[in-house]
C-alpha atoms as a PDB file:
ATOM      1  CA  MET A   1      30.783 -28.542  -3.661  1.00  0.00           C
ATOM      2  CA  ASN A   2      31.933 -24.913  -3.125  1.00  0.00           C
ATOM      3  CA  LYS A   3      33.817 -23.419  -0.310  1.00  0.00           C
ATOM      4  CA  VAL A   4      30.756 -22.069   1.566  1.00  0.00           C
ATOM      5  CA  GLN A   5      29.237 -25.469   1.603  1.00  0.00           C
ATOM      6  CA  LYS A   6      32.490 -27.301   2.724  1.00  0.00           C
ATOM      7  CA  ILE A   7      33.007 -25.048   5.672  1.00  0.00           C
ATOM      8  CA  VAL A   8      29.235 -25.215   6.831  1.00  0.00           C
ATOM      9  CA  ASP A   9      29.245 -29.096   6.456  1.00  0.00           C
ATOM     10  CA  ARG A  10      32.619 -29.182   8.595  1.00  0.00           C
ATOM     11  CA  LEU A  11      30.815 -26.865  11.189  1.00  0.00           C
ATOM     12  CA  LEU A  12      27.964 -29.228  11.086  1.00  0.00           C
ATOM     13  CA  GLU A  13      30.640 -32.255  11.941  1.00  0.00           C
ATOM     14  CA  ILE A  14      31.811 -30.233  14.835  1.00  0.00           C
ATOM     15  CA  TYR A  15      28.568 -28.755  16.282  1.00  0.00           C
ATOM     16  CA  GLY A  16      25.909 -31.298  14.996  1.00  0.00           C
ATOM     17  CA  HIS A  17      22.624 -29.974  13.424  1.00  0.00           C
ATOM     18  CA  PRO A  18      21.332 -27.502  16.149  1.00  0.00           C
ATOM     19  CA  ILE A  19      18.008 -26.328  15.580  1.00  0.00           C
ATOM     20  CA  TRP A  20      15.001 -25.688  17.586  1.00  0.00           C
ATOM     21  CA  LYS A  21      11.458 -24.510  16.683  1.00  0.00           C
ATOM     22  CA  ASP A  22       9.208 -22.547  19.181  1.00  0.00           C
ATOM     23  CA  ASP A  23       5.393 -22.618  18.274  1.00  0.00           C
ATOM     24  CA  ASP A  24       5.219 -19.082  20.083  1.00  0.00           C
ATOM     25  CA  PRO A  25       6.216 -16.349  17.474  1.00  0.00           C
ATOM     26  CA  PHE A  26       5.871 -13.746  20.274  1.00  0.00           C
ATOM     27  CA  ARG A  27       8.130 -15.412  22.570  1.00  0.00           C
ATOM     28  CA  THR A  28      10.473 -15.696  19.896  1.00  0.00           C
ATOM     29  CA  LEU A  29      10.530 -12.173  18.622  1.00  0.00           C
ATOM     30  CA  ILE A  30      10.860 -11.072  22.234  1.00  0.00           C
ATOM     31  CA  ARG A  31      13.853 -13.129  23.072  1.00  0.00           C
ATOM     32  CA  THR A  32      15.521 -12.135  19.888  1.00  0.00           C
ATOM     33  CA  ILE A  33      14.947  -8.578  20.957  1.00  0.00           C
ATOM     34  CA  LEU A  34      16.485  -9.440  24.459  1.00  0.00           C
ATOM     35  CA  SER A  35      19.411 -11.109  22.726  1.00  0.00           C
ATOM     36  CA  GLN A  36      20.706  -8.262  21.249  1.00  0.00           C
ATOM     37  CA  ASN A  37      24.135  -7.100  22.573  1.00  0.00           C
ATOM     38  CA  THR A  38      24.250  -9.335  25.156  1.00  0.00           C
ATOM     39  CA  ASN A  39      25.243 -13.269  25.519  1.00  0.00           C
ATOM     40  CA  SER A  40      23.020 -16.452  25.531  1.00  0.00           C
ATOM     41  CA  ARG A  41      23.090 -16.578  29.675  1.00  0.00           C
ATOM     42  CA  ASN A  42      21.756 -12.992  30.081  1.00  0.00           C
ATOM     43  CA  THR A  43      19.058 -13.469  27.317  1.00  0.00           C
ATOM     44  CA  ASP A  44      18.107 -16.800  29.144  1.00  0.00           C
ATOM     45  CA  ILE A  45      17.986 -15.045  32.514  1.00  0.00           C
ATOM     46  CA  ALA A  46      15.839 -12.018  31.154  1.00  0.00           C
ATOM     47  CA  SER A  47      13.636 -14.141  29.088  1.00  0.00           C
ATOM     48  CA  GLN A  48      12.741 -16.599  32.055  1.00  0.00           C
ATOM     49  CA  ASN A  49      12.044 -13.400  34.155  1.00  0.00           C
ATOM     50  CA  LEU A  50       9.707 -11.791  31.730  1.00  0.00           C
ATOM     51  CA  PHE A  51       7.746 -15.229  30.674  1.00  0.00           C
ATOM     52  CA  SER A  52       7.130 -16.333  34.253  1.00  0.00           C
ATOM     53  CA  ARG A  53       5.582 -13.098  34.733  1.00  0.00           C
ATOM     54  CA  PHE A  54       3.795 -12.503  31.523  1.00  0.00           C
ATOM     55  CA  LYS A  55       2.674 -14.913  28.395  1.00  0.00           C
ATOM     56  CA  THR A  56       0.748 -12.604  25.791  1.00  0.00           C
ATOM     57  CA  ALA A  57       1.460  -9.461  23.650  1.00  0.00           C
ATOM     58  CA  GLU A  58      -1.538  -8.110  25.645  1.00  0.00           C
ATOM     59  CA  GLU A  59      -0.146  -8.614  29.111  1.00  0.00           C
ATOM     60  CA  VAL A  60       3.043  -7.172  27.962  1.00  0.00           C
ATOM     61  CA  ALA A  61       1.560  -4.232  26.414  1.00  0.00           C
ATOM     62  CA  ASN A  62      -0.444  -3.216  29.376  1.00  0.00           C
ATOM     63  CA  THR A  63       2.355  -3.709  32.045  1.00  0.00           C
ATOM     64  CA  ASN A  64       4.252  -0.920  33.803  1.00  0.00           C
ATOM     65  CA  ILE A  65       7.269   0.200  31.707  1.00  0.00           C
ATOM     66  CA  ASP A  66       9.519   0.333  35.286  1.00  0.00           C
ATOM     67  CA  GLU A  67       8.306  -3.491  35.929  1.00  0.00           C
ATOM     68  CA  LEU A  68       9.309  -4.502  32.537  1.00  0.00           C
ATOM     69  CA  VAL A  69      12.421  -2.672  32.822  1.00  0.00           C
ATOM     70  CA  ASP A  70      13.429  -4.453  36.073  1.00  0.00           C
ATOM     71  CA  LEU A  71      12.507  -7.828  34.396  1.00  0.00           C
ATOM     72  CA  ILE A  72      14.590  -7.488  31.497  1.00  0.00           C
ATOM     73  CA  ARG A  73      17.542  -5.922  33.306  1.00  0.00           C
ATOM     74  CA  PRO A  74      19.927  -8.974  32.926  1.00  0.00           C
ATOM     75  CA  ALA A  75      19.812  -8.533  29.076  1.00  0.00           C
ATOM     76  CA  GLY A  76      21.291  -5.270  29.355  1.00  0.00           C
ATOM     77  CA  LEU A  77      20.060  -1.920  27.535  1.00  0.00           C
ATOM     78  CA  HIS A  78      16.871  -2.596  29.534  1.00  0.00           C
ATOM     79  CA  ASN A  79      15.606   0.781  29.206  1.00  0.00           C
ATOM     80  CA  ILE A  80      15.887   0.848  25.311  1.00  0.00           C
ATOM     81  CA  LYS A  81      14.687  -2.848  25.139  1.00  0.00           C
ATOM     82  CA  ALA A  82      11.818  -2.412  27.444  1.00  0.00           C
ATOM     83  CA  ARG A  83      10.422   0.348  25.699  1.00  0.00           C
ATOM     84  CA  ARG A  84      10.909  -1.425  22.355  1.00  0.00           C
ATOM     85  CA  ILE A  85       8.940  -4.368  23.658  1.00  0.00           C
ATOM     86  CA  LYS A  86       6.289  -2.754  24.880  1.00  0.00           C
ATOM     87  CA  ASN A  87       5.674  -0.516  21.902  1.00  0.00           C
ATOM     88  CA  ILE A  88       5.828  -3.575  19.203  1.00  0.00           C
ATOM     89  CA  SER A  89       3.575  -5.470  21.935  1.00  0.00           C
ATOM     90  CA  LYS A  90       1.090  -2.506  21.287  1.00  0.00           C
ATOM     91  CA  LEU A  91       1.282  -2.642  17.778  1.00  0.00           C
ATOM     92  CA  ILE A  92       0.779  -6.243  17.804  1.00  0.00           C
ATOM     93  CA  MET A  93      -2.241  -5.677  19.858  1.00  0.00           C
ATOM     94  CA  VAL A  94      -3.626  -2.987  17.490  1.00  0.00           C
ATOM     95  CA  LYS A  95      -2.903  -4.478  14.130  1.00  0.00           C
ATOM     96  CA  TYR A  96      -3.191  -8.120  14.731  1.00  0.00           C
ATOM     97  CA  GLY A  97      -5.489  -8.505  17.611  1.00  0.00           C
ATOM     98  CA  GLY A  98      -2.493  -9.914  19.707  1.00  0.00           C
ATOM     99  CA  ASP A  99      -1.405 -12.536  17.644  1.00  0.00           C
ATOM    100  CA  ILE A 100       1.751 -12.245  15.294  1.00  0.00           C
ATOM    101  CA  ASN A 101       1.215 -15.617  13.925  1.00  0.00           C
ATOM    102  CA  ARG A 102      -1.084 -13.998  11.492  1.00  0.00           C
ATOM    103  CA  VAL A 103       2.116 -12.276   9.876  1.00  0.00           C
ATOM    104  CA  ILE A 104       4.176 -15.503   9.878  1.00  0.00           C
ATOM    105  CA  GLN A 105       1.718 -17.532   8.170  1.00  0.00           C
ATOM    106  CA  LYS A 106       1.481 -15.164   5.056  1.00  0.00           C
ATOM    107  CA  GLY A 107       4.786 -16.809   3.482  1.00  0.00           C
ATOM    108  CA  MET A 108       8.279 -16.237   4.105  1.00  0.00           C
ATOM    109  CA  ASP A 109       8.761 -13.201   1.683  1.00  0.00           C
ATOM    110  CA  GLU A 110       5.465 -11.529   2.724  1.00  0.00           C
ATOM    111  CA  ALA A 111       6.251 -11.898   6.389  1.00  0.00           C
ATOM    112  CA  ARG A 112       9.590 -10.693   6.353  1.00  0.00           C
ATOM    113  CA  LYS A 113       8.692  -7.642   4.663  1.00  0.00           C
ATOM    114  CA  GLU A 114       5.707  -6.971   7.203  1.00  0.00           C
ATOM    115  CA  LEU A 115       8.128  -7.595  10.120  1.00  0.00           C
ATOM    116  CA  LEU A 116      10.391  -5.287   8.821  1.00  0.00           C
ATOM    117  CA  ASP A 117       7.862  -2.649   8.515  1.00  0.00           C
ATOM    118  CA  ILE A 118       7.634  -2.520  12.409  1.00  0.00           C
ATOM    119  CA  ASP A 119       9.635  -0.019  14.181  1.00  0.00           C
ATOM    120  CA  GLY A 120      11.958  -1.738  16.391  1.00  0.00           C
ATOM    121  CA  ILE A 121      12.237  -5.055  14.076  1.00  0.00           C
ATOM    122  CA  GLY A 122      15.519  -5.251  12.015  1.00  0.00           C
ATOM    123  CA  PRO A 123      16.364  -8.250   9.637  1.00  0.00           C
ATOM    124  CA  LYS A 124      18.206 -10.316  12.244  1.00  0.00           C
ATOM    125  CA  THR A 125      15.320 -10.351  14.589  1.00  0.00           C
ATOM    126  CA  ALA A 126      12.705 -10.819  11.374  1.00  0.00           C
ATOM    127  CA  ASP A 127      14.628 -13.465  10.226  1.00  0.00           C
ATOM    128  CA  CYS A 128      15.066 -15.369  13.572  1.00  0.00           C
ATOM    129  CA  VAL A 129      11.418 -15.257  14.058  1.00  0.00           C
ATOM    130  CA  LEU A 130      10.934 -16.787  10.571  1.00  0.00           C
ATOM    131  CA  LEU A 131      13.290 -19.378  11.280  1.00  0.00           C
ATOM    132  CA  PHE A 132      12.637 -20.357  14.882  1.00  0.00           C
ATOM    133  CA  ALA A 133       8.927 -19.808  14.967  1.00  0.00           C
ATOM    134  CA  GLY A 134       7.955 -20.053  11.346  1.00  0.00           C
ATOM    135  CA  GLY A 135      10.249 -23.116  10.271  1.00  0.00           C
ATOM    136  CA  TYR A 136      11.161 -21.521   7.280  1.00  0.00           C
ATOM    137  CA  ASP A 137      14.390 -22.019   5.510  1.00  0.00           C
ATOM    138  CA  ILE A 138      16.092 -18.701   6.057  1.00  0.00           C
ATOM    139  CA  LEU A 139      19.589 -17.609   7.356  1.00  0.00           C
ATOM    140  CA  PRO A 140      19.825 -14.933  10.083  1.00  0.00           C
ATOM    141  CA  VAL A 141      23.044 -12.955  10.063  1.00  0.00           C
ATOM    142  CA  ASP A 142      23.938 -11.883  13.555  1.00  0.00           C
ATOM    143  CA  THR A 143      27.180 -10.050  14.364  1.00  0.00           C
ATOM    144  CA  HIS A 144      29.131 -13.642  15.008  1.00  0.00           C
ATOM    145  CA  ILE A 145      27.849 -14.597  11.397  1.00  0.00           C
ATOM    146  CA  PHE A 146      28.636 -11.243   9.753  1.00  0.00           C
ATOM    147  CA  ARG A 147      32.428 -11.573  11.177  1.00  0.00           C
ATOM    148  CA  VAL A 148      32.968 -15.200  10.486  1.00  0.00           C
ATOM    149  CA  ALA A 149      31.753 -14.706   7.051  1.00  0.00           C
ATOM    150  CA  LYS A 150      34.013 -11.812   6.207  1.00  0.00           C
ATOM    151  CA  ARG A 151      36.914 -13.638   7.903  1.00  0.00           C
ATOM    152  CA  LEU A 152      36.813 -16.841   6.356  1.00  0.00           C
ATOM    153  CA  GLY A 153      35.749 -15.182   2.790  1.00  0.00           C
ATOM    154  CA  LEU A 154      32.172 -16.422   2.511  1.00  0.00           C
ATOM    155  CA  ALA A 155      31.040 -13.250   1.527  1.00  0.00           C
ATOM    156  CA  PRO A 156      32.663 -10.206  -0.215  1.00  0.00           C
ATOM    157  CA  THR A 157      34.260  -7.866   2.195  1.00  0.00           C
ATOM    158  CA  HIS A 158      32.267  -4.869   1.449  1.00  0.00           C
ATOM    159  CA  VAL A 159      28.800  -5.769   1.643  1.00  0.00           C
ATOM    160  CA  ASP A 160      26.400  -5.219   4.730  1.00  0.00           C
ATOM    161  CA  HIS A 161      24.293  -7.562   6.771  1.00  0.00           C
ATOM    162  CA  GLU A 162      21.898  -8.103   3.818  1.00  0.00           C
ATOM    163  CA  GLY A 163      24.406  -8.765   1.407  1.00  0.00           C
ATOM    164  CA  VAL A 164      26.052 -11.364   3.606  1.00  0.00           C
ATOM    165  CA  LYS A 165      22.844 -13.057   4.299  1.00  0.00           C
ATOM    166  CA  THR A 166      22.312 -13.097   0.311  1.00  0.00           C
ATOM    167  CA  ALA A 167      25.899 -14.750  -0.298  1.00  0.00           C
ATOM    168  CA  LEU A 168      25.511 -17.574   2.227  1.00  0.00           C
ATOM    169  CA  GLU A 169      21.654 -18.273   1.397  1.00  0.00           C
ATOM    170  CA  ASN A 170      22.835 -18.446  -2.306  1.00  0.00           C
ATOM    171  CA  GLN A 171      25.481 -21.094  -1.500  1.00  0.00           C
ATOM    172  CA  ILE A 172      23.877 -23.103   1.184  1.00  0.00           C
ATOM    173  CA  PRO A 173      21.001 -25.410   0.466  1.00  0.00           C
ATOM    174  CA  PRO A 174      17.677 -24.248   2.233  1.00  0.00           C
ATOM    175  CA  GLU A 175      17.602 -27.368   4.627  1.00  0.00           C
ATOM    176  CA  LYS A 176      21.097 -26.472   5.831  1.00  0.00           C
ATOM    177  CA  ARG A 177      20.485 -22.618   6.749  1.00  0.00           C
ATOM    178  CA  GLY A 178      19.007 -23.387  10.069  1.00  0.00           C
ATOM    179  CA  PRO A 179      21.592 -25.186  11.340  1.00  0.00           C
ATOM    180  CA  ALA A 180      24.345 -23.356   9.580  1.00  0.00           C
ATOM    181  CA  HIS A 181      22.892 -20.462  11.296  1.00  0.00           C
ATOM    182  CA  MET A 182      23.449 -22.164  14.654  1.00  0.00           C
ATOM    183  CA  ALA A 183      26.770 -23.578  14.077  1.00  0.00           C
ATOM    184  CA  LEU A 184      28.369 -20.489  12.597  1.00  0.00           C
ATOM    185  CA  ILE A 185      27.451 -18.821  15.762  1.00  0.00           C
ATOM    186  CA  SER A 186      28.862 -21.477  17.801  1.00  0.00           C
ATOM    187  CA  PHE A 187      31.960 -21.111  15.959  1.00  0.00           C
ATOM    188  CA  GLY A 188      32.280 -17.423  16.249  1.00  0.00           C
ATOM    189  CA  ARG A 189      32.012 -17.576  19.852  1.00  0.00           C
ATOM    190  CA  GLU A 190      34.407 -20.489  20.325  1.00  0.00           C
ATOM    191  CA  TYR A 191      37.168 -19.761  17.861  1.00  0.00           C
ATOM    192  CA  CYS A 192      36.332 -16.872  15.511  1.00  0.00           C
ATOM    193  CA  ARG A 193      35.907 -14.245  18.069  1.00  0.00           C
ATOM    194  CA  ALA A 194      35.734 -10.502  17.755  1.00  0.00           C
ATOM    195  CA  ARG A 195      38.542 -10.168  20.574  1.00  0.00           C
ATOM    196  CA  ASN A 196      41.405 -12.482  21.002  1.00  0.00           C
ATOM    197  CA  PRO A 197      40.524 -15.046  18.195  1.00  0.00           C
ATOM    198  CA  ARG A 198      41.969 -18.604  18.350  1.00  0.00           C
ATOM    199  CA  CYS A 199      43.428 -18.322  14.863  1.00  0.00           C
ATOM    200  CA  GLU A 200      46.102 -21.002  15.584  1.00  0.00           C
ATOM    201  CA  GLU A 201      43.432 -23.402  16.728  1.00  0.00           C
ATOM    202  CA  CYS A 202      41.026 -22.579  13.902  1.00  0.00           C
ATOM    203  CA  PRO A 203      39.811 -26.134  11.938  1.00  0.00           C
ATOM    204  CA  PHE A 204      40.003 -24.063   8.687  1.00  0.00           C
ATOM    205  CA  GLY A 205      43.465 -22.551   9.256  1.00  0.00           C
END
């Protein structure tokens, strides 16, 4: 068993095998956009605000931008995120008839490529949609995982986010990638924090 697998297995002992699946890929997509540069509590509030008012891409695409900004304000960067969400919703209406699931069903590699072709969707967002809404064995890399992977030597120090993703996926069994994603984030928030990391309490110290 390699170093990455040993660390992941230890993290799964600590945090369990947390994973959830959302059958609505549009909701997963929007929630992931809202989660950028904020914490889970703010993401939850903004998501609840938005989806208590709107349910579909069509409704979001047709809403007034000011109302959208107000609804997602708790997530921060609300002006940027509102424009991004509205533009993506419009594209989903025009290109996919309002159903982003048409993309998800194309298979992981083709779906990822097509999602990344949409302006405003980056690798982490695309991968979260594929993991949580598509059920694919993929490991999205956010800022926490990027930091943890470098600090613990799970990925080369010189690689970008895609390099970290490749390094982790090459060493983590497919069925553990989703749980590993969640556990690595939890570890990054609790111990391996960007500021004031709790190195003296680290289970890998």
